[in-house]
Amino acid sequence: MHYNPYIQKYERKIISEGVEDNVKSSLQKLFDFVVDIIKKSEEYYGLNVKFLVTWGASLGGMILPLKQWIEGEYPELNEKQIVLLLVGIACNYFYDNEKFIRGILDKIKEEGLLPYFQKLFEKSEELNKKFTDFMTSVKTFGVSMTNIVSYAFILPILDDIISIANSQNVEQSTEFLIKRIIASGVVMITGMTLVDFLKKLIEYFRKN
């Protein structure tokens, strides 16, 4: 049976739009997760960490997997405790203020959570190393190791990016993907930096 070319074009459009909608939804969920952590840290501990929202979905891409890991590893921890631990990790990677970070660590010690924090920090370093190795393999020139975590927003959408890389209409799908990510407004990386990065990423998956 032969497909009508117009039907094939329509099917590709539906698949492409489905992937793009999923990407936008995933990024929004990451951003909403960060906002929720910020609000709860203030509610539970009186901490003002609103500056973390600047990192948007990139921060969510890093600490959401850590939240899922620690919930599974240490079910005795409650939400309040986990929020403090995640804020400690987030500030360590995304905020360059030693005095403020020391204050967070003092609070973690005061709550008797230091052993948990140490384990979570080890896991975050493991995740960061794997991500750094991946970014190096992609050969994302121009992405320095100091700001590499700002690209962590791609972690939950890698399957969608791979789908686009394997699609027949790569150029158009890539263009739509870039527009959706920029339009989401929750990713810190923008402009040509984002465009070049995504194109390299898709090219990498096409070859591997």
N, C-alpha and C. Protein backbone atom coordinates (compact mmCIF):
# COMPACT_ATOMS: atom_id res chain seq x y z
N MET A 1 0.85 -1.20 0.00
CA MET A 1 0.00 0.00 0.00
C MET A 1 0.89 1.25 0.00
N HIS A 2 0.55 2.21 -0.87
CA HIS A 2 1.33 3.43 -0.97
C HIS A 2 0.61 4.58 -0.26
N TYR A 3 1.38 5.33 0.49
CA TYR A 3 0.81 6.47 1.19
C TYR A 3 0.72 7.68 0.26
N ASN A 4 -0.34 8.39 0.38
CA ASN A 4 -0.47 9.66 -0.30
C ASN A 4 0.55 10.63 0.30
N PRO A 5 1.34 11.33 -0.53
CA PRO A 5 2.37 12.23 0.00
C PRO A 5 1.80 13.32 0.90
N TYR A 6 0.57 13.75 0.63
CA TYR A 6 -0.06 14.78 1.47
C TYR A 6 -0.39 14.22 2.85
N ILE A 7 -0.78 12.94 2.88
CA ILE A 7 -1.07 12.30 4.16
C ILE A 7 0.24 12.13 4.95
N GLN A 8 1.30 11.75 4.26
CA GLN A 8 2.60 11.60 4.92
C GLN A 8 3.06 12.93 5.52
N LYS A 9 2.86 14.00 4.75
CA LYS A 9 3.24 15.33 5.23
C LYS A 9 2.42 15.70 6.46
N TYR A 10 1.12 15.39 6.43
CA TYR A 10 0.24 15.69 7.55
C TYR A 10 0.65 14.89 8.79
N GLU A 11 0.98 13.60 8.59
CA GLU A 11 1.39 12.75 9.71
C GLU A 11 2.68 13.27 10.33
N ARG A 12 3.63 13.69 9.49
CA ARG A 12 4.88 14.22 10.03
C ARG A 12 4.62 15.49 10.82
N LYS A 13 3.68 16.30 10.33
CA LYS A 13 3.34 17.54 11.02
C LYS A 13 2.75 17.24 12.39
N ILE A 14 1.87 16.25 12.47
CA ILE A 14 1.23 15.87 13.74
C ILE A 14 2.27 15.37 14.73
N ILE A 15 3.18 14.49 14.24
CA ILE A 15 4.23 13.94 15.10
C ILE A 15 5.14 15.05 15.60
N SER A 16 5.52 15.94 14.67
CA SER A 16 6.41 17.05 15.03
C SER A 16 5.78 17.95 16.08
N GLU A 17 4.51 18.30 15.86
CA GLU A 17 3.81 19.17 16.80
C GLU A 17 3.66 18.49 18.16
N GLY A 18 3.46 17.17 18.14
CA GLY A 18 3.33 16.43 19.39
C GLY A 18 4.61 16.50 20.20
N VAL A 19 5.76 16.33 19.54
CA VAL A 19 7.05 16.41 20.21
C VAL A 19 7.29 17.80 20.76
N GLU A 20 6.98 18.80 19.94
CA GLU A 20 7.21 20.19 20.36
C GLU A 20 6.33 20.57 21.54
N ASP A 21 5.07 20.12 21.53
CA ASP A 21 4.18 20.40 22.65
C ASP A 21 4.68 19.72 23.92
N ASN A 22 5.21 18.52 23.77
CA ASN A 22 5.75 17.79 24.92
C ASN A 22 6.97 18.50 25.49
N VAL A 23 7.81 19.03 24.62
CA VAL A 23 8.99 19.77 25.05
C VAL A 23 8.59 21.00 25.85
N LYS A 24 7.65 21.77 25.30
CA LYS A 24 7.20 22.98 25.99
C LYS A 24 6.59 22.64 27.34
N SER A 25 5.78 21.57 27.38
CA SER A 25 5.14 21.14 28.63
C SER A 25 6.18 20.70 29.65
N SER A 26 7.20 19.96 29.21
CA SER A 26 8.25 19.49 30.11
C SER A 26 9.04 20.65 30.70
N LEU A 27 9.37 21.62 29.86
CA LEU A 27 10.12 22.78 30.33
C LEU A 27 9.30 23.60 31.33
N GLN A 28 8.01 23.73 31.06
CA GLN A 28 7.15 24.48 31.98
C GLN A 28 7.05 23.77 33.33
N LYS A 29 7.00 22.44 33.30
CA LYS A 29 6.94 21.67 34.55
C LYS A 29 8.21 21.87 35.36
N LEU A 30 9.36 21.92 34.70
CA LEU A 30 10.62 22.15 35.38
C LEU A 30 10.62 23.52 36.04
N PHE A 31 10.15 24.51 35.31
CA PHE A 31 10.10 25.88 35.83
C PHE A 31 9.14 25.96 37.02
N ASP A 32 7.97 25.35 36.89
CA ASP A 32 6.99 25.36 37.97
C ASP A 32 7.53 24.66 39.21
N PHE A 33 8.31 23.61 39.00
CA PHE A 33 8.92 22.89 40.11
C PHE A 33 9.87 23.81 40.88
N VAL A 34 10.68 24.58 40.16
CA VAL A 34 11.62 25.52 40.78
C VAL A 34 10.86 26.58 41.58
N VAL A 35 9.82 27.12 40.99
CA VAL A 35 9.01 28.13 41.67
C VAL A 35 8.41 27.57 42.95
N ASP A 36 7.95 26.32 42.89
CA ASP A 36 7.37 25.67 44.06
C ASP A 36 8.40 25.50 45.18
N ILE A 37 9.63 25.10 44.82
CA ILE A 37 10.70 24.94 45.81
C ILE A 37 11.02 26.29 46.45
N ILE A 38 11.07 27.34 45.65
CA ILE A 38 11.36 28.68 46.16
C ILE A 38 10.30 29.13 47.17
N LYS A 39 9.05 28.92 46.82
CA LYS A 39 7.95 29.32 47.70
C LYS A 39 7.97 28.53 49.01
N LYS A 40 8.20 27.23 48.91
CA LYS A 40 8.18 26.39 50.10
C LYS A 40 9.38 26.64 51.00
N SER A 41 10.53 27.01 50.43
CA SER A 41 11.70 27.30 51.25
C SER A 41 11.46 28.55 52.10
N GLU A 42 10.70 29.49 51.53
CA GLU A 42 10.34 30.69 52.29
C GLU A 42 9.27 30.38 53.33
N GLU A 43 8.31 29.55 52.94
CA GLU A 43 7.23 29.18 53.85
C GLU A 43 7.74 28.37 55.03
N TYR A 44 8.63 27.42 54.77
CA TYR A 44 9.11 26.52 55.82
C TYR A 44 10.24 27.11 56.65
N TYR A 45 11.15 27.85 56.00
CA TYR A 45 12.36 28.29 56.69
C TYR A 45 12.61 29.80 56.64
N GLY A 46 11.73 30.53 55.99
CA GLY A 46 11.93 31.97 55.89
C GLY A 46 13.09 32.36 54.99
N LEU A 47 13.46 31.47 54.07
CA LEU A 47 14.58 31.73 53.17
C LEU A 47 14.12 32.48 51.92
N ASN A 48 14.87 33.50 51.56
CA ASN A 48 14.58 34.25 50.34
C ASN A 48 15.55 33.80 49.25
N VAL A 49 15.10 32.86 48.43
CA VAL A 49 15.96 32.35 47.35
C VAL A 49 15.31 32.62 45.99
N LYS A 50 14.62 33.73 45.89
CA LYS A 50 13.92 34.07 44.65
C LYS A 50 14.88 34.24 43.48
N PHE A 51 16.14 34.54 43.79
CA PHE A 51 17.14 34.70 42.72
C PHE A 51 17.31 33.42 41.90
N LEU A 52 16.96 32.29 42.49
CA LEU A 52 17.11 31.01 41.77
C LEU A 52 16.18 30.91 40.57
N VAL A 53 15.09 31.68 40.58
CA VAL A 53 14.14 31.59 39.48
C VAL A 53 14.78 32.03 38.16
N THR A 54 15.85 32.81 38.26
CA THR A 54 16.57 33.26 37.06
C THR A 54 17.05 32.07 36.22
N TRP A 55 17.39 30.98 36.90
CA TRP A 55 17.92 29.82 36.20
C TRP A 55 16.83 28.94 35.59
N GLY A 56 15.58 29.20 36.00
CA GLY A 56 14.43 28.55 35.38
C GLY A 56 14.52 27.05 35.23
N ALA A 57 14.22 26.58 34.01
CA ALA A 57 14.16 25.15 33.73
C ALA A 57 15.52 24.47 33.85
N SER A 58 16.62 25.23 33.72
CA SER A 58 17.95 24.63 33.85
C SER A 58 18.15 24.10 35.27
N LEU A 59 17.74 24.90 36.25
CA LEU A 59 17.83 24.47 37.64
C LEU A 59 16.91 23.28 37.88
N GLY A 60 15.70 23.34 37.33
CA GLY A 60 14.76 22.23 37.48
C GLY A 60 15.30 20.94 36.89
N GLY A 61 15.98 21.05 35.75
CA GLY A 61 16.55 19.88 35.09
C GLY A 61 17.60 19.18 35.92
N MET A 62 18.21 19.93 36.82
CA MET A 62 19.23 19.33 37.67
C MET A 62 18.67 18.81 38.99
N ILE A 63 17.83 19.61 39.66
CA ILE A 63 17.41 19.21 41.01
C ILE A 63 16.17 18.31 41.04
N LEU A 64 15.38 18.28 39.97
CA LEU A 64 14.23 17.37 39.96
C LEU A 64 14.68 15.90 40.03
N PRO A 65 15.69 15.49 39.23
CA PRO A 65 16.16 14.12 39.36
C PRO A 65 16.72 13.82 40.76
N LEU A 66 17.32 14.84 41.38
CA LEU A 66 17.85 14.66 42.73
C LEU A 66 16.72 14.48 43.74
N LYS A 67 15.65 15.21 43.55
CA LYS A 67 14.48 15.06 44.42
C LYS A 67 13.93 13.64 44.31
N GLN A 68 13.80 13.16 43.09
CA GLN A 68 13.27 11.82 42.86
C GLN A 68 14.19 10.76 43.46
N TRP A 69 15.49 11.00 43.37
CA TRP A 69 16.45 10.04 43.91
C TRP A 69 16.37 9.98 45.43
N ILE A 70 16.38 11.15 46.09
CA ILE A 70 16.42 11.15 47.56
C ILE A 70 15.10 10.67 48.16
N GLU A 71 14.00 10.91 47.47
CA GLU A 71 12.70 10.40 47.94
C GLU A 71 12.69 8.87 47.93
N GLY A 72 13.31 8.29 46.91
CA GLY A 72 13.35 6.84 46.82
C GLY A 72 14.37 6.22 47.75
N GLU A 73 15.48 6.94 47.97
CA GLU A 73 16.57 6.42 48.78
C GLU A 73 16.31 6.57 50.28
N TYR A 74 15.66 7.68 50.65
CA TYR A 74 15.43 7.97 52.07
C TYR A 74 13.96 8.36 52.30
N PRO A 75 13.07 7.38 52.29
CA PRO A 75 11.63 7.65 52.44
C PRO A 75 11.25 8.25 53.78
N GLU A 76 12.17 8.21 54.75
CA GLU A 76 11.87 8.79 56.06
C GLU A 76 11.89 10.32 56.06
N LEU A 77 12.46 10.91 55.02
CA LEU A 77 12.51 12.37 54.92
C LEU A 77 11.15 12.92 54.50
N ASN A 78 10.75 14.04 55.12
CA ASN A 78 9.48 14.67 54.73
C ASN A 78 9.74 15.78 53.72
N GLU A 79 8.67 16.35 53.21
CA GLU A 79 8.78 17.38 52.18
C GLU A 79 9.60 18.58 52.64
N LYS A 80 9.36 19.01 53.85
CA LYS A 80 10.06 20.17 54.40
C LYS A 80 11.57 19.96 54.40
N GLN A 81 11.99 18.79 54.82
CA GLN A 81 13.42 18.47 54.87
C GLN A 81 14.03 18.40 53.48
N ILE A 82 13.30 17.79 52.57
CA ILE A 82 13.80 17.66 51.20
C ILE A 82 13.94 19.02 50.53
N VAL A 83 13.01 19.91 50.79
CA VAL A 83 13.09 21.27 50.23
C VAL A 83 14.38 21.94 50.67
N LEU A 84 14.71 21.86 51.95
CA LEU A 84 15.94 22.48 52.45
C LEU A 84 17.18 21.88 51.81
N LEU A 85 17.19 20.57 51.67
CA LEU A 85 18.34 19.90 51.04
C LEU A 85 18.51 20.32 49.58
N LEU A 86 17.40 20.41 48.86
CA LEU A 86 17.47 20.80 47.45
C LEU A 86 17.91 22.25 47.29
N VAL A 87 17.47 23.12 48.19
CA VAL A 87 17.89 24.51 48.15
C VAL A 87 19.40 24.60 48.39
N GLY A 88 19.89 23.77 49.31
CA GLY A 88 21.33 23.74 49.57
C GLY A 88 22.11 23.35 48.33
N ILE A 89 21.64 22.34 47.62
CA ILE A 89 22.30 21.91 46.38
C ILE A 89 22.20 22.99 45.31
N ALA A 90 21.02 23.55 45.16
CA ALA A 90 20.79 24.58 44.13
C ALA A 90 21.70 25.78 44.34
N CYS A 91 21.80 26.25 45.58
CA CYS A 91 22.64 27.41 45.87
C CYS A 91 24.12 27.09 45.63
N ASN A 92 24.50 25.85 45.89
CA ASN A 92 25.89 25.46 45.70
C ASN A 92 26.31 25.57 44.23
N TYR A 93 25.39 25.25 43.32
CA TYR A 93 25.70 25.27 41.90
C TYR A 93 25.32 26.56 41.19
N PHE A 94 24.28 27.21 41.69
CA PHE A 94 23.71 28.32 40.94
C PHE A 94 23.80 29.68 41.63
N TYR A 95 24.53 29.75 42.74
CA TYR A 95 24.63 31.04 43.43
C TYR A 95 26.02 31.19 44.02
N ASP A 96 26.70 32.22 43.61
CA ASP A 96 28.09 32.44 44.02
C ASP A 96 28.15 33.43 45.18
N ASN A 97 27.66 32.98 46.35
CA ASN A 97 27.70 33.83 47.54
C ASN A 97 28.04 32.93 48.73
N GLU A 98 29.30 32.92 49.08
CA GLU A 98 29.79 31.99 50.10
C GLU A 98 29.09 32.18 51.44
N LYS A 99 28.86 33.42 51.84
CA LYS A 99 28.21 33.71 53.13
C LYS A 99 26.80 33.14 53.16
N PHE A 100 26.06 33.32 52.07
CA PHE A 100 24.68 32.84 52.01
C PHE A 100 24.66 31.31 52.04
N ILE A 101 25.54 30.70 51.26
CA ILE A 101 25.60 29.23 51.21
C ILE A 101 25.97 28.66 52.57
N ARG A 102 26.89 29.33 53.27
CA ARG A 102 27.27 28.87 54.60
C ARG A 102 26.08 28.92 55.55
N GLY A 103 25.23 29.95 55.38
CA GLY A 103 24.04 30.06 56.20
C GLY A 103 23.06 28.91 55.95
N ILE A 104 22.94 28.51 54.69
CA ILE A 104 22.08 27.37 54.34
C ILE A 104 22.63 26.09 54.96
N LEU A 105 23.93 25.91 54.87
CA LEU A 105 24.56 24.72 55.45
C LEU A 105 24.40 24.67 56.96
N ASP A 106 24.48 25.83 57.61
CA ASP A 106 24.27 25.89 59.06
C ASP A 106 22.85 25.45 59.40
N LYS A 107 21.90 25.85 58.57
CA LYS A 107 20.50 25.46 58.79
C LYS A 107 20.33 23.95 58.59
N ILE A 108 21.00 23.41 57.61
CA ILE A 108 20.95 21.97 57.34
C ILE A 108 21.52 21.19 58.54
N LYS A 109 22.63 21.68 59.09
CA LYS A 109 23.23 21.05 60.27
C LYS A 109 22.28 21.14 61.47
N GLU A 110 21.69 22.31 61.62
CA GLU A 110 20.76 22.55 62.73
C GLU A 110 19.58 21.59 62.68
N GLU A 111 19.15 21.25 61.49
CA GLU A 111 18.01 20.35 61.32
C GLU A 111 18.43 18.88 61.36
N GLY A 112 19.72 18.63 61.55
CA GLY A 112 20.21 17.26 61.62
C GLY A 112 20.22 16.55 60.29
N LEU A 113 20.38 17.32 59.21
CA LEU A 113 20.27 16.75 57.86
C LEU A 113 21.61 16.67 57.13
N LEU A 114 22.70 16.96 57.82
CA LEU A 114 24.00 16.99 57.15
C LEU A 114 24.36 15.67 56.47
N PRO A 115 24.16 14.51 57.11
CA PRO A 115 24.50 13.24 56.43
C PRO A 115 23.71 13.06 55.13
N TYR A 116 22.45 13.46 55.15
CA TYR A 116 21.62 13.36 53.94
C TYR A 116 22.13 14.32 52.87
N PHE A 117 22.52 15.52 53.31
CA PHE A 117 23.02 16.51 52.36
C PHE A 117 24.30 16.01 51.70
N GLN A 118 25.17 15.40 52.49
CA GLN A 118 26.43 14.89 51.93
C GLN A 118 26.16 13.83 50.86
N LYS A 119 25.20 12.95 51.14
CA LYS A 119 24.84 11.92 50.16
C LYS A 119 24.23 12.54 48.91
N LEU A 120 23.38 13.54 49.12
CA LEU A 120 22.74 14.21 47.98
C LEU A 120 23.77 14.98 47.16
N PHE A 121 24.72 15.59 47.85
CA PHE A 121 25.77 16.33 47.14
C PHE A 121 26.61 15.37 46.29
N GLU A 122 26.92 14.21 46.84
CA GLU A 122 27.67 13.20 46.07
C GLU A 122 26.91 12.80 44.82
N LYS A 123 25.60 12.63 44.98
CA LYS A 123 24.76 12.27 43.83
C LYS A 123 24.72 13.40 42.81
N SER A 124 24.68 14.62 43.28
CA SER A 124 24.65 15.77 42.37
C SER A 124 25.96 15.88 41.59
N GLU A 125 27.08 15.58 42.25
CA GLU A 125 28.37 15.59 41.58
C GLU A 125 28.46 14.50 40.52
N GLU A 126 27.87 13.34 40.85
CA GLU A 126 27.82 12.23 39.89
C GLU A 126 27.00 12.62 38.66
N LEU A 127 25.85 13.23 38.90
CA LEU A 127 24.99 13.68 37.81
C LEU A 127 25.68 14.76 36.99
N ASN A 128 26.33 15.68 37.66
CA ASN A 128 27.02 16.77 36.97
C ASN A 128 28.15 16.24 36.10
N LYS A 129 28.88 15.25 36.61
CA LYS A 129 29.98 14.67 35.84
C LYS A 129 29.47 13.97 34.58
N LYS A 130 28.40 13.19 34.75
CA LYS A 130 27.83 12.49 33.60
C LYS A 130 27.35 13.49 32.54
N PHE A 131 26.73 14.56 33.01
CA PHE A 131 26.23 15.57 32.08
C PHE A 131 27.38 16.29 31.39
N THR A 132 28.42 16.60 32.16
CA THR A 132 29.60 17.25 31.59
C THR A 132 30.27 16.37 30.55
N ASP A 133 30.39 15.07 30.85
CA ASP A 133 30.97 14.12 29.89
C ASP A 133 30.13 14.06 28.61
N PHE A 134 28.81 14.08 28.80
CA PHE A 134 27.92 14.04 27.64
C PHE A 134 28.10 15.30 26.78
N MET A 135 28.13 16.46 27.43
CA MET A 135 28.28 17.72 26.70
C MET A 135 29.62 17.76 25.96
N THR A 136 30.64 17.19 26.58
CA THR A 136 31.96 17.14 25.94
C THR A 136 31.92 16.24 24.70
N SER A 137 31.19 15.13 24.81
CA SER A 137 31.08 14.21 23.67
C SER A 137 30.32 14.84 22.52
N VAL A 138 29.40 15.73 22.84
CA VAL A 138 28.63 16.43 21.81
C VAL A 138 29.51 17.48 21.14
N LYS A 139 30.60 17.84 21.82
CA LYS A 139 31.54 18.87 21.33
C LYS A 139 30.84 20.21 21.20
N THR A 140 30.22 20.59 22.29
CA THR A 140 29.53 21.88 22.31
C THR A 140 30.52 22.99 22.59
N PHE A 141 31.27 23.35 21.58
CA PHE A 141 32.27 24.40 21.73
C PHE A 141 31.58 25.71 22.11
N GLY A 142 32.19 26.42 23.03
CA GLY A 142 31.60 27.68 23.49
C GLY A 142 30.84 27.49 24.78
N VAL A 143 30.56 26.23 25.15
CA VAL A 143 29.90 25.96 26.42
C VAL A 143 30.99 25.67 27.44
N SER A 144 31.23 26.61 28.33
CA SER A 144 32.29 26.43 29.33
C SER A 144 31.82 25.52 30.45
N MET A 145 32.78 24.90 31.12
CA MET A 145 32.46 24.00 32.22
C MET A 145 31.84 24.76 33.39
N THR A 146 32.10 26.08 33.47
CA THR A 146 31.56 26.85 34.59
C THR A 146 30.07 27.10 34.46
N ASN A 147 29.56 27.15 33.23
CA ASN A 147 28.11 27.41 33.06
C ASN A 147 27.38 26.24 32.43
N ILE A 148 28.03 25.08 32.45
CA ILE A 148 27.45 23.92 31.77
C ILE A 148 26.13 23.50 32.40
N VAL A 149 25.96 23.73 33.70
CA VAL A 149 24.71 23.35 34.36
C VAL A 149 23.53 24.17 33.85
N SER A 150 23.80 25.29 33.21
CA SER A 150 22.70 26.10 32.67
C SER A 150 22.03 25.43 31.48
N TYR A 151 22.63 24.33 30.99
CA TYR A 151 22.05 23.57 29.89
C TYR A 151 21.33 22.32 30.38
N ALA A 152 21.19 22.19 31.69
CA ALA A 152 20.57 20.99 32.26
C ALA A 152 19.10 20.85 31.91
N PHE A 153 18.50 21.89 31.34
CA PHE A 153 17.09 21.82 30.95
C PHE A 153 16.84 20.76 29.89
N ILE A 154 17.90 20.32 29.19
CA ILE A 154 17.71 19.33 28.12
C ILE A 154 17.52 17.91 28.66
N LEU A 155 17.90 17.68 29.92
CA LEU A 155 17.88 16.31 30.46
C LEU A 155 16.54 15.61 30.31
N PRO A 156 15.41 16.25 30.71
CA PRO A 156 14.14 15.54 30.59
C PRO A 156 13.54 15.52 29.19
N ILE A 157 14.17 16.24 28.25
CA ILE A 157 13.59 16.28 26.89
C ILE A 157 14.51 15.64 25.86
N LEU A 158 15.51 14.90 26.32
CA LEU A 158 16.45 14.26 25.38
C LEU A 158 15.75 13.30 24.44
N ASP A 159 14.77 12.55 24.96
CA ASP A 159 14.05 11.60 24.09
C ASP A 159 13.33 12.33 22.96
N ASP A 160 12.79 13.50 23.27
CA ASP A 160 12.09 14.30 22.25
C ASP A 160 13.08 14.83 21.21
N ILE A 161 14.25 15.25 21.69
CA ILE A 161 15.28 15.76 20.78
C ILE A 161 15.79 14.64 19.87
N ILE A 162 15.92 13.45 20.43
CA ILE A 162 16.35 12.29 19.63
C ILE A 162 15.30 11.96 18.56
N SER A 163 14.02 12.08 18.93
CA SER A 163 12.94 11.84 17.96
C SER A 163 13.03 12.79 16.79
N ILE A 164 13.34 14.04 17.08
CA ILE A 164 13.48 15.04 16.01
C ILE A 164 14.70 14.72 15.16
N ALA A 165 15.80 14.32 15.80
CA ALA A 165 17.03 13.99 15.07
C ALA A 165 16.81 12.83 14.11
N ASN A 166 15.91 11.93 14.48
CA ASN A 166 15.65 10.74 13.65
C ASN A 166 14.47 10.93 12.69
N SER A 167 13.88 12.09 12.70
CA SER A 167 12.73 12.34 11.84
C SER A 167 13.18 12.64 10.41
N GLN A 168 12.25 12.58 9.48
CA GLN A 168 12.57 12.83 8.07
C GLN A 168 12.70 14.32 7.77
N ASN A 169 11.99 15.11 8.52
CA ASN A 169 11.98 16.55 8.26
C ASN A 169 12.73 17.27 9.38
N VAL A 170 14.04 17.01 9.46
CA VAL A 170 14.84 17.47 10.59
C VAL A 170 14.93 18.99 10.66
N GLU A 171 15.20 19.63 9.54
CA GLU A 171 15.41 21.08 9.55
C GLU A 171 14.18 21.83 10.05
N GLN A 172 13.02 21.49 9.52
CA GLN A 172 11.80 22.17 9.93
C GLN A 172 11.47 21.87 11.39
N SER A 173 11.63 20.61 11.79
CA SER A 173 11.35 20.22 13.17
C SER A 173 12.29 20.91 14.14
N THR A 174 13.56 21.05 13.74
CA THR A 174 14.55 21.73 14.58
C THR A 174 14.18 23.20 14.75
N GLU A 175 13.74 23.80 13.66
CA GLU A 175 13.33 25.21 13.70
C GLU A 175 12.14 25.41 14.64
N PHE A 176 11.15 24.52 14.53
CA PHE A 176 9.99 24.60 15.41
C PHE A 176 10.39 24.38 16.87
N LEU A 177 11.30 23.42 17.10
CA LEU A 177 11.76 23.11 18.44
C LEU A 177 12.41 24.34 19.08
N ILE A 178 13.29 24.97 18.35
CA ILE A 178 13.99 26.16 18.86
C ILE A 178 13.00 27.26 19.20
N LYS A 179 12.02 27.47 18.32
CA LYS A 179 11.01 28.50 18.57
C LYS A 179 10.20 28.19 19.83
N ARG A 180 9.84 26.90 20.00
CA ARG A 180 9.06 26.50 21.18
C ARG A 180 9.85 26.72 22.47
N ILE A 181 11.12 26.37 22.45
CA ILE A 181 11.95 26.52 23.65
C ILE A 181 12.12 27.99 24.00
N ILE A 182 12.40 28.80 23.00
CA ILE A 182 12.55 30.24 23.24
C ILE A 182 11.24 30.85 23.72
N ALA A 183 10.13 30.45 23.07
CA ALA A 183 8.81 30.98 23.43
C ALA A 183 8.37 30.57 24.82
N SER A 184 8.92 29.46 25.33
CA SER A 184 8.52 29.00 26.66
C SER A 184 8.89 30.03 27.73
N GLY A 185 9.97 30.79 27.48
CA GLY A 185 10.38 31.84 28.41
C GLY A 185 10.94 31.32 29.72
N VAL A 186 11.26 30.04 29.80
CA VAL A 186 11.72 29.47 31.08
C VAL A 186 13.17 28.96 30.98
N VAL A 187 13.82 29.24 29.85
CA VAL A 187 15.20 28.80 29.66
C VAL A 187 16.12 30.01 29.63
N MET A 188 17.19 29.93 30.41
CA MET A 188 18.09 31.07 30.53
C MET A 188 18.89 31.30 29.25
N ILE A 189 19.28 30.21 28.58
CA ILE A 189 20.06 30.32 27.35
C ILE A 189 19.14 30.74 26.21
N THR A 190 19.50 31.78 25.49
CA THR A 190 18.64 32.27 24.40
C THR A 190 19.49 32.63 23.18
N GLY A 191 18.81 33.15 22.16
CA GLY A 191 19.49 33.65 20.98
C GLY A 191 20.31 32.62 20.24
N MET A 192 21.38 33.08 19.60
CA MET A 192 22.21 32.21 18.77
C MET A 192 22.92 31.14 19.59
N THR A 193 23.16 31.44 20.86
CA THR A 193 23.80 30.44 21.73
C THR A 193 22.93 29.20 21.82
N LEU A 194 21.63 29.40 22.03
CA LEU A 194 20.69 28.28 22.12
C LEU A 194 20.54 27.59 20.77
N VAL A 195 20.42 28.37 19.71
CA VAL A 195 20.25 27.82 18.36
C VAL A 195 21.44 26.94 17.99
N ASP A 196 22.66 27.44 18.19
CA ASP A 196 23.87 26.68 17.85
C ASP A 196 23.96 25.40 18.67
N PHE A 197 23.63 25.51 19.95
CA PHE A 197 23.70 24.35 20.84
C PHE A 197 22.74 23.25 20.40
N LEU A 198 21.50 23.61 20.14
CA LEU A 198 20.50 22.62 19.74
C LEU A 198 20.82 21.98 18.40
N LYS A 199 21.34 22.77 17.47
CA LYS A 199 21.71 22.22 16.17
C LYS A 199 22.85 21.22 16.31
N LYS A 200 23.83 21.52 17.17
CA LYS A 200 24.94 20.59 17.41
C LYS A 200 24.43 19.32 18.08
N LEU A 201 23.49 19.51 18.99
CA LEU A 201 22.93 18.37 19.73
C LEU A 201 22.19 17.43 18.79
N ILE A 202 21.37 17.99 17.92
CA ILE A 202 20.60 17.18 16.97
C ILE A 202 21.53 16.50 15.96
N GLU A 203 22.55 17.22 15.54
CA GLU A 203 23.53 16.63 14.61
C GLU A 203 24.27 15.46 15.28
N TYR A 204 24.54 15.61 16.55
CA TYR A 204 25.21 14.55 17.31
C TYR A 204 24.36 13.28 17.32
N PHE A 205 23.07 13.44 17.59
CA PHE A 205 22.17 12.28 17.66
C PHE A 205 21.92 11.68 16.28
N ARG A 206 22.02 12.46 15.25
CA ARG A 206 21.87 11.92 13.90
C ARG A 206 23.05 11.03 13.52
N LYS A 207 24.21 11.31 14.10
CA LYS A 207 25.40 10.55 13.76
C LYS A 207 25.64 9.38 14.70
N ASN A 208 24.95 9.38 15.85
CA ASN A 208 25.23 8.35 16.86
C ASN A 208 23.98 7.50 17.15
